[in-house]
């Protein structure tokens, strides 16, 4: 017997190995009956026919195929019990509806469960068609085919449960979970997009991510997406996206391309996006601090060298020639040594303060500002002796909250600058404004030359040496003041008209 190519392919698919393939060919080549028997034994479906009796009852005519393998019953047992006795109790209404449909002359196709002879529940996909009497047009027979779809149903249930768990995970994840088409259009966004970016998921469906990316980050995002589509591999990248409120946030996005197993084409992009704005700002701040500290180390080394040379020089002179100096001359040298030591100490204090600004937790308390100012003046008594300033200090201090040590450094910086860069003699006024909107402004006014507008814009930047106002400084003081005030929830600033002195201020929250 000769077989067509399609028949040989069918036999090849049914055979488990080469030996089975040859055996099937031999059996199929024997007789029609043998061929029919072999094929029906290999089927996972079964077919059937019922005769419709005059009283409307159904009588099984024949049933062939994998019926017994699926149900565990013989056709005789099945006919004796009746179809409804084997259908799962929860699905009997389906069979009743099917019989009514057939009686009306209509075919049906549906799925329902049966209970096998050994008690298992199996899913059946059933298709039945009525056969009409050509003269009376009444239903005289029903023929049908049934397929065991239990594995498919189990797989579907497992997939559905997995999808349900994934959706539940997505719904309650703090990260944004998205699905995009290969063209980049959003097909799904988890609810967390509202918490992270301010948008409702439905607001972004059908839109593309580049619509919200910061212009400076678009090249990175485009390159990453193209590489993802091209390679079909996972990729992680970071960029800024626009929040619904108008500001930008940093997202770290991990994406994977989902490909068709047959064609290998990318069918969708699955991504998780995490808000890393705080981490990015922290990294940027750390990088800025590192750069500043590196520059500061260089600057401080030179600035410490001068007073240290003064101390060592005068100390060596005293050690070698102290007997030849009068008491007054020795005291003058001691005074210069102490003053140089104080200058070194101020630089060291600012360095320690800068490193302390990275501390996560600080203790804030109501501040007795008058006492703090007096302590700063005592600390600067050598400068006061040198410059002989005229001091005007307010007697009324609004109660603010802050970190005492840090606020003391702000005052020390402002007052020492007023002494150094004020007039001759310096006239220094120290005061505070009445609290406004929960904020108090504290300030120091001098009678120096003042600042040009361009100098005012640079005065709080680190390592800025303005010819007139920072000539003797080590270039970091006012930048520390700014950082301290901001760390305490306040601000800094300067008001000046060239030729009319400066007013440097800082703000702190009121305790009220």
Protein backbone atom coordinates (compact mmCIF):
# COMPACT_ATOMS: atom_id res chain seq x y z
CA UNK A 1 0.00 0.00 0.00
CA UNK A 2 1.30 3.42 -0.92
CA UNK A 3 0.99 6.36 1.51
CA UNK A 4 0.89 10.03 0.68
CA UNK A 5 3.41 12.43 2.23
CA UNK A 6 0.75 13.84 4.56
CA UNK A 7 -0.20 10.34 5.73
CA UNK A 8 3.42 9.47 6.41
CA UNK A 9 3.82 12.73 8.36
CA UNK A 10 0.77 11.83 10.47
CA UNK A 11 2.16 8.40 11.23
CA UNK A 12 5.56 9.89 12.02
CA UNK A 13 3.92 12.30 14.49
CA UNK A 14 2.06 9.47 16.20
CA UNK A 15 5.14 7.21 16.51
CA UNK A 16 7.37 7.57 19.54
CA UNK A 17 10.50 6.23 17.83
CA UNK A 18 11.72 4.66 14.56
CA UNK A 19 10.68 1.15 15.57
CA UNK A 20 7.14 2.31 16.36
CA UNK A 21 7.07 4.13 13.04
CA UNK A 22 7.92 0.97 11.08
CA UNK A 23 5.40 -1.07 13.09
CA UNK A 24 2.63 1.40 12.36
CA UNK A 25 3.41 1.33 8.67
CA UNK A 26 3.17 -2.45 8.64
CA UNK A 27 -0.16 -2.43 10.50
CA UNK A 28 -1.62 0.30 8.34
CA UNK A 29 -0.64 -1.68 5.27
CA UNK A 30 -2.67 -4.76 6.28
CA UNK A 31 -6.38 -4.06 6.10
CA UNK A 32 -8.93 -1.30 6.45
CA UNK A 33 -10.17 -2.77 9.71
CA UNK A 34 -6.65 -2.95 11.14
CA UNK A 35 -5.89 0.59 10.02
CA UNK A 36 -9.08 1.87 11.61
CA UNK A 37 -8.35 0.09 14.88
CA UNK A 38 -4.80 1.43 15.09
CA UNK A 39 -5.84 4.99 14.38
CA UNK A 40 -8.72 4.98 16.86
CA UNK A 41 -6.46 3.60 19.57
CA UNK A 42 -4.02 6.47 19.02
CA UNK A 43 -6.71 9.15 19.17
CA UNK A 44 -7.24 11.29 22.26
CA UNK A 45 -10.80 12.04 21.07
CA UNK A 46 -13.86 9.89 20.74
CA UNK A 47 -16.86 10.11 18.47
CA UNK A 48 -20.38 8.97 19.11
CA UNK A 49 -23.87 8.70 17.69
CA UNK A 50 -27.22 8.64 19.46
CA UNK A 51 -30.54 7.62 17.99
CA UNK A 52 -33.47 9.82 19.01
CA UNK A 53 -36.47 7.65 19.96
CA UNK A 54 -40.09 8.69 19.31
CA UNK A 55 -40.52 9.48 23.03
CA UNK A 56 -37.62 11.91 22.87
CA UNK A 57 -35.17 9.66 24.69
CA UNK A 58 -31.63 9.11 23.43
CA UNK A 59 -30.24 5.65 22.69
CA UNK A 60 -26.51 5.14 22.15
CA UNK A 61 -25.82 3.71 18.70
CA UNK A 62 -22.07 3.59 18.79
CA UNK A 63 -19.05 5.24 20.40
CA UNK A 64 -15.50 4.96 19.08
CA UNK A 65 -12.06 6.27 19.89
CA UNK A 66 -10.49 6.98 23.25
CA UNK A 67 -13.76 6.89 25.17
CA UNK A 68 -12.80 4.16 27.64
CA UNK A 69 -9.30 5.58 28.17
CA UNK A 70 -10.79 8.97 29.04
CA UNK A 71 -13.82 7.97 31.12
CA UNK A 72 -12.88 4.53 32.44
CA UNK A 73 -16.32 3.23 31.44
CA UNK A 74 -17.39 0.82 28.73
CA UNK A 75 -19.96 2.07 26.27
CA UNK A 76 -22.51 -0.30 27.89
CA UNK A 77 -21.88 1.18 31.35
CA UNK A 78 -22.14 4.67 29.94
CA UNK A 79 -25.46 3.93 28.21
CA UNK A 80 -26.86 2.25 31.30
CA UNK A 81 -26.11 5.19 33.55
CA UNK A 82 -27.12 7.93 31.14
CA UNK A 83 -25.08 11.00 30.28
CA UNK A 84 -26.37 13.13 33.15
CA UNK A 85 -25.23 10.62 35.76
CA UNK A 86 -21.58 11.01 34.69
CA UNK A 87 -21.51 14.77 34.28
CA UNK A 88 -20.10 16.75 37.18
CA UNK A 89 -22.95 17.89 39.47
CA UNK A 90 -22.11 21.55 38.95
CA UNK A 91 -22.34 21.17 35.15
CA UNK A 92 -25.58 19.17 34.73
CA UNK A 93 -27.44 22.32 33.71
CA UNK A 94 -25.12 22.50 30.68
CA UNK A 95 -26.15 19.04 29.44
CA UNK A 96 -29.85 19.80 29.96
CA UNK A 97 -29.44 22.96 27.92
CA UNK A 98 -27.53 21.05 25.24
CA UNK A 99 -30.29 18.46 24.87
CA UNK A 100 -32.88 21.20 24.49
CA UNK A 101 -30.71 22.87 21.87
CA UNK A 102 -30.31 19.62 19.91
CA UNK A 103 -34.03 18.88 20.11
CA UNK A 104 -34.64 22.24 18.48
CA UNK A 105 -32.41 21.21 15.59
CA UNK A 106 -29.35 23.25 16.51
CA UNK A 107 -25.74 22.13 16.86
CA UNK A 108 -23.79 23.06 19.96
CA UNK A 109 -20.16 23.28 21.10
CA UNK A 110 -19.27 23.60 24.76
CA UNK A 111 -17.01 22.48 27.59
CA UNK A 112 -18.03 20.68 30.77
CA UNK A 113 -16.68 18.31 33.39
CA UNK A 114 -17.27 14.60 33.86
CA UNK A 115 -16.46 12.29 36.75
CA UNK A 116 -14.51 9.22 35.58
CA UNK A 117 -15.02 5.72 36.89
CA UNK A 118 -12.09 6.08 39.32
CA UNK A 119 -13.43 9.39 40.66
CA UNK A 120 -11.27 11.84 38.72
CA UNK A 121 -12.71 15.04 37.33
CA UNK A 122 -11.89 15.62 33.67
CA UNK A 123 -12.75 18.39 31.28
CA UNK A 124 -14.44 17.52 27.98
CA UNK A 125 -14.79 19.69 24.89
CA UNK A 126 -17.94 18.45 23.16
CA UNK A 127 -19.35 19.17 19.71
CA UNK A 128 -22.71 17.68 18.71
CA UNK A 129 -24.87 18.10 15.62
CA UNK A 130 -28.42 16.91 15.03
CA UNK A 131 -29.34 14.82 11.96
CA UNK A 132 -32.78 15.66 10.59
CA UNK A 133 -35.26 13.39 8.83
CA UNK A 134 -35.29 14.67 5.24
CA UNK A 135 -39.08 14.45 5.04
CA UNK A 136 -40.36 15.41 8.53
CA UNK A 137 -37.40 17.61 9.41
CA UNK A 138 -37.45 16.11 12.86
CA UNK A 139 -34.28 15.20 14.74
CA UNK A 140 -33.67 11.46 14.33
CA UNK A 141 -30.01 11.21 15.32
CA UNK A 142 -27.25 13.13 17.08
CA UNK A 143 -23.61 12.69 16.14
CA UNK A 144 -20.73 14.29 17.95
CA UNK A 145 -17.08 14.32 18.91
CA UNK A 146 -15.57 14.83 22.33
CA UNK A 147 -12.03 15.69 23.32
CA UNK A 148 -10.28 15.43 26.66
CA UNK A 149 -9.02 18.95 27.39
CA UNK A 150 -8.09 18.40 31.04
CA UNK A 151 -4.43 19.19 30.54
CA UNK A 152 -5.32 22.36 28.68
CA UNK A 153 -7.69 23.42 31.45
CA UNK A 154 -5.13 22.70 34.15
CA UNK A 155 -2.56 24.70 32.20
CA UNK A 156 -5.04 27.55 31.74
CA UNK A 157 -5.92 27.51 35.44
CA UNK A 158 -2.26 27.48 36.36
CA UNK A 159 -1.57 30.33 33.95
CA UNK A 160 -4.56 32.27 35.25
CA UNK A 161 -3.42 31.78 38.84
CA UNK A 162 0.09 32.86 37.94
CA UNK A 163 -1.31 35.93 36.16
CA UNK A 164 -3.46 36.65 39.19
CA UNK A 165 -0.46 36.46 41.51
CA UNK A 166 1.59 38.62 39.18
CA UNK A 167 -1.20 41.19 38.91
CA UNK A 168 -1.57 41.16 42.70
CA UNK A 169 2.18 41.67 43.02
CA UNK A 170 2.06 44.48 40.48
CA UNK A 171 -0.91 46.14 42.17
CA UNK A 172 0.83 46.27 45.55
CA UNK A 173 4.41 46.81 44.41
CA UNK A 174 5.99 50.16 45.22
CA UNK A 175 7.81 49.96 41.87
CA UNK A 176 6.09 50.78 38.59
CA UNK A 177 5.47 47.68 36.47
CA UNK A 178 4.75 48.29 32.80
CA UNK A 179 4.14 46.41 29.57
CA UNK A 180 4.92 48.16 26.29
CA UNK A 181 4.45 47.23 22.67
CA UNK A 182 7.57 46.84 20.51
CA UNK A 183 6.88 50.40 19.32
CA UNK A 184 7.05 51.63 22.90
CA UNK A 185 3.35 52.29 23.58
CA UNK A 186 2.13 51.52 27.11
CA UNK A 187 -0.29 48.58 27.25
CA UNK A 188 -0.30 48.16 31.03
CA UNK A 189 0.86 50.24 34.02
CA UNK A 190 0.60 49.19 37.65
CA UNK A 191 -1.27 51.43 40.13
CA UNK A 192 2.01 52.51 41.74
CA UNK A 193 2.57 54.90 38.81
CA UNK A 194 0.18 57.25 40.59
CA UNK A 195 2.23 57.23 43.80
CA UNK A 196 5.57 57.56 42.01
CA UNK A 197 4.77 59.91 39.10
CA UNK A 198 1.35 61.35 39.93
CA UNK A 199 -0.44 59.85 36.91
CA UNK A 200 -3.36 57.44 36.90
CA UNK A 201 -2.54 54.31 34.85
CA UNK A 202 -5.32 55.04 32.35
CA UNK A 203 -3.80 58.48 31.68
CA UNK A 204 -0.72 56.88 30.13
CA UNK A 205 -2.19 53.96 28.21
CA UNK A 206 -1.40 54.26 24.51
CA UNK A 207 1.33 56.81 25.14
CA UNK A 208 5.10 56.46 24.86
CA UNK A 209 7.73 56.92 27.55
CA UNK A 210 9.80 59.49 25.57
CA UNK A 211 6.83 61.88 25.88
CA UNK A 212 7.79 62.28 29.56
CA UNK A 213 11.58 61.91 29.55
CA UNK A 214 13.81 64.90 30.28
CA UNK A 215 15.17 66.28 26.98
CA UNK A 216 18.78 65.81 28.10
CA UNK A 217 18.13 62.10 28.78
CA UNK A 218 16.30 61.27 25.53
CA UNK A 219 19.43 60.04 23.67
CA UNK A 220 20.22 57.58 26.47
CA UNK A 221 16.63 56.29 26.57
CA UNK A 222 16.40 55.94 22.78
CA UNK A 223 19.69 54.06 22.56
CA UNK A 224 18.71 51.74 25.39
CA UNK A 225 15.32 50.94 23.83
CA UNK A 226 16.81 50.28 20.39
CA UNK A 227 19.44 48.00 21.90
CA UNK A 228 16.72 46.18 23.85
CA UNK A 229 14.66 45.52 20.71
CA UNK A 230 17.73 44.57 18.69
CA UNK A 231 19.31 42.19 21.21
CA UNK A 232 16.16 40.84 22.85
CA UNK A 233 18.02 40.87 26.17
CA UNK A 234 17.41 42.62 29.46
CA UNK A 235 18.76 46.10 30.11
CA UNK A 236 18.88 48.54 33.03
CA UNK A 237 19.18 52.29 32.58
CA UNK A 238 18.49 55.51 34.52
CA UNK A 239 16.90 58.76 33.37
CA UNK A 240 14.61 61.58 34.46
CA UNK A 241 10.87 61.65 33.78
CA UNK A 242 8.42 64.44 34.32
CA UNK A 243 6.11 64.11 37.31
CA UNK A 244 2.52 65.17 36.82
CA UNK A 245 3.19 68.08 39.21
CA UNK A 246 5.78 69.43 36.76
CA UNK A 247 9.09 68.51 38.40
CA UNK A 248 11.41 65.71 37.29
CA UNK A 249 12.17 62.49 39.14
CA UNK A 250 14.89 59.92 38.52
CA UNK A 251 13.80 56.40 37.53
CA UNK A 252 15.92 53.28 37.37
CA UNK A 253 14.30 51.06 34.74
CA UNK A 254 14.99 47.34 34.30
CA UNK A 255 13.49 46.07 31.03
CA UNK A 256 13.33 42.68 29.35
CA UNK A 257 12.19 41.92 25.82
CA UNK A 258 9.59 39.15 25.45
CA UNK A 259 10.03 37.29 22.16
CA UNK A 260 7.87 34.96 20.12
CA UNK A 261 9.30 31.42 20.56
CA UNK A 262 8.78 30.61 16.88
CA UNK A 263 9.70 33.80 15.04
CA UNK A 264 12.06 35.24 17.63
CA UNK A 265 10.45 38.65 17.19
CA UNK A 266 9.98 40.94 20.17
CA UNK A 267 6.29 40.96 21.10
CA UNK A 268 6.39 43.20 24.18
CA UNK A 269 8.66 44.96 26.65
CA UNK A 270 8.19 44.25 30.37
CA UNK A 271 9.76 46.73 32.78
CA UNK A 272 10.01 47.61 36.44
CA UNK A 273 10.80 51.23 37.28
CA UNK A 274 11.99 52.43 40.67
CA UNK A 275 12.10 55.98 41.95
CA UNK A 276 15.78 56.62 42.75
CA UNK A 277 15.54 60.39 43.06
CA UNK A 278 16.76 60.48 46.66
CA UNK A 279 19.58 58.06 45.89
CA UNK A 280 20.60 60.06 42.83
CA UNK A 281 20.55 63.31 44.78
CA UNK A 282 22.55 61.66 47.54
CA UNK A 283 25.09 60.36 45.01
CA UNK A 284 25.33 63.79 43.40
CA UNK A 285 25.69 65.43 46.79
CA UNK A 286 28.38 62.95 47.80
CA UNK A 287 30.23 63.54 44.55
CA UNK A 288 29.99 67.28 45.07
CA UNK A 289 31.27 66.96 48.62
CA UNK A 290 34.15 64.76 47.50
CA UNK A 291 35.13 67.31 44.87
CA UNK A 292 34.82 70.13 47.36
CA UNK A 293 36.82 68.27 49.98
CA UNK A 294 39.57 67.52 47.49
CA UNK A 295 39.77 71.20 46.58
CA UNK A 296 39.41 72.12 50.25
CA UNK A 297 42.32 69.88 51.23
CA UNK A 298 44.52 71.71 48.77
CA UNK A 299 43.29 75.13 49.89
CA UNK A 300 43.43 74.38 53.60
CA UNK A 301 46.94 72.97 53.33
CA UNK A 302 48.12 76.34 52.07
CA UNK A 303 46.00 78.35 54.51
CA UNK A 304 47.16 76.29 57.48
CA UNK A 305 50.74 76.59 56.35
CA UNK A 306 50.86 80.39 56.83
CA UNK A 307 49.72 80.56 60.48
CA UNK A 308 51.70 77.42 61.24
CA UNK A 309 54.85 79.04 59.85
CA UNK A 310 54.08 82.09 61.99
CA UNK A 311 53.70 79.94 65.10
CA UNK A 312 56.86 77.96 64.44
CA UNK A 313 58.84 81.07 63.51
CA UNK A 314 57.92 83.05 66.63
CA UNK A 315 58.23 79.97 68.84
CA UNK A 316 61.79 79.36 67.55
CA UNK A 317 62.68 83.02 68.16
CA UNK A 318 61.35 82.84 71.72
CA UNK A 319 63.14 79.58 72.35
CA UNK A 320 66.48 80.92 71.13
CA UNK A 321 66.40 84.61 72.14
CA UNK A 322 63.79 84.88 74.91
CA UNK A 323 66.33 86.22 77.43
CA UNK A 324 67.14 89.17 75.16
CA UNK A 325 63.47 90.24 74.85
CA UNK A 326 61.66 92.47 77.26
CA UNK A 327 58.47 91.21 78.89
CA UNK A 328 56.39 93.39 76.61
CA UNK A 329 58.15 92.04 73.50
CA UNK A 330 57.69 88.45 74.65
CA UNK A 331 53.98 89.05 75.30
CA UNK A 332 53.61 90.50 71.81
CA UNK A 333 55.13 87.36 70.32
CA UNK A 334 52.90 85.16 72.48
CA UNK A 335 49.89 87.15 71.29
CA UNK A 336 50.84 86.60 67.63
CA UNK A 337 51.31 82.86 68.24
CA UNK A 338 47.91 82.55 69.90
CA UNK A 339 46.23 84.55 67.16
CA UNK A 340 47.76 82.33 64.48
CA UNK A 341 46.64 79.30 66.48
CA UNK A 342 43.09 80.65 66.60
CA UNK A 343 43.14 81.15 62.85
CA UNK A 344 44.18 77.53 62.40
CA UNK A 345 41.47 76.42 64.82
CA UNK A 346 38.78 78.27 62.87
CA UNK A 347 39.82 76.53 59.67
CA UNK A 348 39.81 73.15 61.42
CA UNK A 349 36.40 73.87 62.96
CA UNK A 350 34.97 74.60 59.53
CA UNK A 351 36.43 71.37 58.16
CA UNK A 352 34.88 69.37 61.01
CA UNK A 353 31.59 71.17 60.49
CA UNK A 354 31.61 70.33 56.77
CA UNK A 355 32.13 66.64 57.50
CA UNK A 356 29.37 66.74 60.14
CA UNK A 357 26.80 67.95 57.62
CA UNK A 358 26.51 64.39 56.31
CA UNK A 359 25.09 63.17 59.62
CA UNK A 360 21.55 61.91 59.02
CA UNK A 361 20.11 62.80 62.41
CA UNK A 362 20.73 66.04 64.27
CA UNK A 363 19.18 67.37 67.46
CA UNK A 364 17.36 70.68 67.11
CA UNK A 365 16.18 72.73 70.06
CA UNK A 366 15.01 76.25 70.92
CA UNK A 367 18.03 78.55 70.83
CA UNK A 368 18.95 81.28 73.28
CA UNK A 369 20.40 83.34 70.45
CA UNK A 370 21.68 86.18 72.63
CA UNK A 371 23.86 83.76 74.61
CA UNK A 372 25.17 82.17 71.41
CA UNK A 373 26.20 85.56 69.98
CA UNK A 374 28.02 86.47 73.21
CA UNK A 375 29.92 83.17 73.15
CA UNK A 376 30.96 83.81 69.55
CA UNK A 377 32.20 87.30 70.46
CA UNK A 378 34.29 85.81 73.28
CA UNK A 379 35.68 83.29 70.83
CA UNK A 380 36.65 86.16 68.48
CA UNK A 381 38.12 88.38 71.21
CA UNK A 382 41.57 88.44 69.57
CA UNK A 383 40.04 89.78 66.34
CA UNK A 384 38.05 92.32 68.33
CA UNK A 385 41.25 93.48 70.04
CA UNK A 386 42.96 93.83 66.64
CA UNK A 387 40.15 95.63 64.75
CA UNK A 388 38.61 97.69 67.61
CA UNK A 389 35.07 97.52 66.15
CA UNK A 390 32.01 99.47 67.18
CA UNK A 391 29.40 96.81 68.01
CA UNK A 392 25.63 97.29 68.05
CA UNK A 393 23.78 94.20 69.29
CA UNK A 394 20.04 93.87 69.66
CA UNK A 395 18.67 93.02 73.07
CA UNK A 396 15.53 91.29 71.79
CA UNK A 397 15.97 87.85 70.19
CA UNK A 398 13.02 85.91 68.74
CA UNK A 399 13.09 82.22 69.69
CA UNK A 400 14.20 80.00 66.81
CA UNK A 401 14.99 76.29 66.63
CA UNK A 402 18.22 74.81 65.31
CA UNK A 403 21.40 72.95 66.12
CA UNK A 404 23.40 75.11 68.55
CA UNK A 405 26.91 74.19 67.36
CA UNK A 406 26.06 74.79 63.70
CA UNK A 407 24.34 78.12 64.35
CA UNK A 408 27.37 79.27 66.36
CA UNK A 409 29.55 78.66 63.30
CA UNK A 410 27.21 80.74 61.13
CA UNK A 411 27.52 83.68 63.53
CA UNK A 412 31.31 83.24 63.79
CA UNK A 413 31.65 83.37 60.03
CA UNK A 414 29.41 86.39 59.52
CA UNK A 415 30.87 88.41 62.41
CA UNK A 416 34.52 87.64 61.55
CA UNK A 417 33.88 88.73 57.94
CA UNK A 418 32.26 91.95 59.17
CA UNK A 419 35.33 92.65 61.32
CA UNK A 420 37.81 91.91 58.50
CA UNK A 421 35.98 93.63 55.65
CA UNK A 422 34.20 96.45 57.45
CA UNK A 423 35.35 100.05 57.56
CA UNK A 424 38.07 101.55 59.71
CA UNK A 425 37.00 101.09 62.39
CA UNK A 426 34.43 98.39 61.58
CA UNK A 427 30.88 99.22 62.59
CA UNK A 428 29.10 95.91 63.10
CA UNK A 429 25.38 95.67 63.80
CA UNK A 430 23.92 92.30 64.86
CA UNK A 431 20.18 91.74 64.99
CA UNK A 432 17.05 89.83 64.03
CA UNK A 433 13.73 90.58 62.35
CA UNK A 434 10.28 89.96 63.74
CA UNK A 435 9.14 86.40 62.84
CA UNK A 436 7.14 86.19 59.61
CA UNK A 437 5.27 83.10 58.41
CA UNK A 438 7.06 80.94 60.95
CA UNK A 439 10.54 82.06 59.82
CA UNK A 440 13.06 84.32 61.62
CA UNK A 441 15.81 86.24 59.83
CA UNK A 442 19.09 86.87 61.71
CA UNK A 443 21.65 89.24 60.25
CA UNK A 444 25.02 91.02 60.51
CA UNK A 445 25.53 94.46 58.91
CA UNK A 446 28.96 96.03 58.25
CA UNK A 447 30.17 99.37 56.96
CA UNK A 448 32.60 98.07 54.35
CA UNK A 449 32.80 98.71 50.62
CA UNK A 450 29.89 96.43 49.79
CA UNK A 451 29.58 94.14 46.78
CA UNK A 452 28.96 94.47 43.07
CA UNK A 453 25.89 92.56 41.78
CA UNK A 454 28.06 89.91 40.07
CA UNK A 455 29.97 89.35 43.31
CA UNK A 456 26.73 88.85 45.23
CA UNK A 457 25.82 85.98 42.89
CA UNK A 458 29.12 84.19 43.59
CA UNK A 459 29.73 84.94 47.25
CA UNK A 460 28.21 81.71 48.60
CA UNK A 461 29.94 79.41 46.12
CA UNK A 462 32.84 77.37 47.52
CA UNK A 463 36.40 78.52 46.85
CA UNK A 464 35.29 81.87 45.46
CA UNK A 465 37.94 84.49 46.21
CA UNK A 466 36.59 87.94 45.48
CA UNK A 467 39.42 90.47 45.32
CA UNK A 468 38.00 92.80 47.92
CA UNK A 469 35.91 90.53 50.16
CA UNK A 470 37.70 87.16 50.24
CA UNK A 471 41.33 88.13 49.80
CA UNK A 472 42.41 86.74 53.17
CA UNK A 473 39.94 83.85 53.47
CA UNK A 474 40.30 80.20 52.68
CA UNK A 475 37.34 80.18 50.32
CA UNK A 476 34.89 77.83 52.02
CA UNK A 477 33.31 79.72 54.92
CA UNK A 478 30.20 81.14 53.27
CA UNK A 479 29.47 77.94 51.33
CA UNK A 480 29.44 76.11 54.67
CA UNK A 481 27.11 78.74 56.08
CA UNK A 482 24.72 78.13 53.20
CA UNK A 483 24.79 74.36 53.63
CA UNK A 484 24.30 74.60 57.41
CA UNK A 485 21.30 76.90 57.05
CA UNK A 486 19.68 74.71 54.38
CA UNK A 487 20.31 71.61 56.50
CA UNK A 488 18.42 73.34 59.33
CA UNK A 489 15.52 74.26 57.06
CA UNK A 490 16.58 77.86 56.44
CA UNK A 491 18.21 80.02 53.80
CA UNK A 492 21.10 82.49 53.46
CA UNK A 493 21.52 85.69 51.54
CA UNK A 494 23.24 89.04 51.24
CA UNK A 495 21.97 92.56 50.64
CA UNK A 496 24.45 95.16 49.47
CA UNK A 497 24.91 98.34 47.54
CA UNK A 498 28.47 98.94 46.42
CA UNK A 499 30.02 101.56 48.65
CA UNK A 500 27.43 101.10 51.41
CA UNK A 501 28.42 97.93 53.22
CA UNK A 502 26.78 94.49 53.36
CA UNK A 503 24.02 92.78 55.30
CA UNK A 504 24.50 89.01 55.51
CA UNK A 505 21.56 87.02 56.84
CA UNK A 506 20.34 83.51 57.54
CA UNK A 507 16.88 82.22 58.42
CA UNK A 508 15.69 79.56 60.84
CA UNK A 509 12.26 78.16 61.72
CA UNK A 510 10.50 79.88 64.59
CA UNK A 511 9.81 77.81 67.70
CA UNK A 512 6.26 79.13 67.85
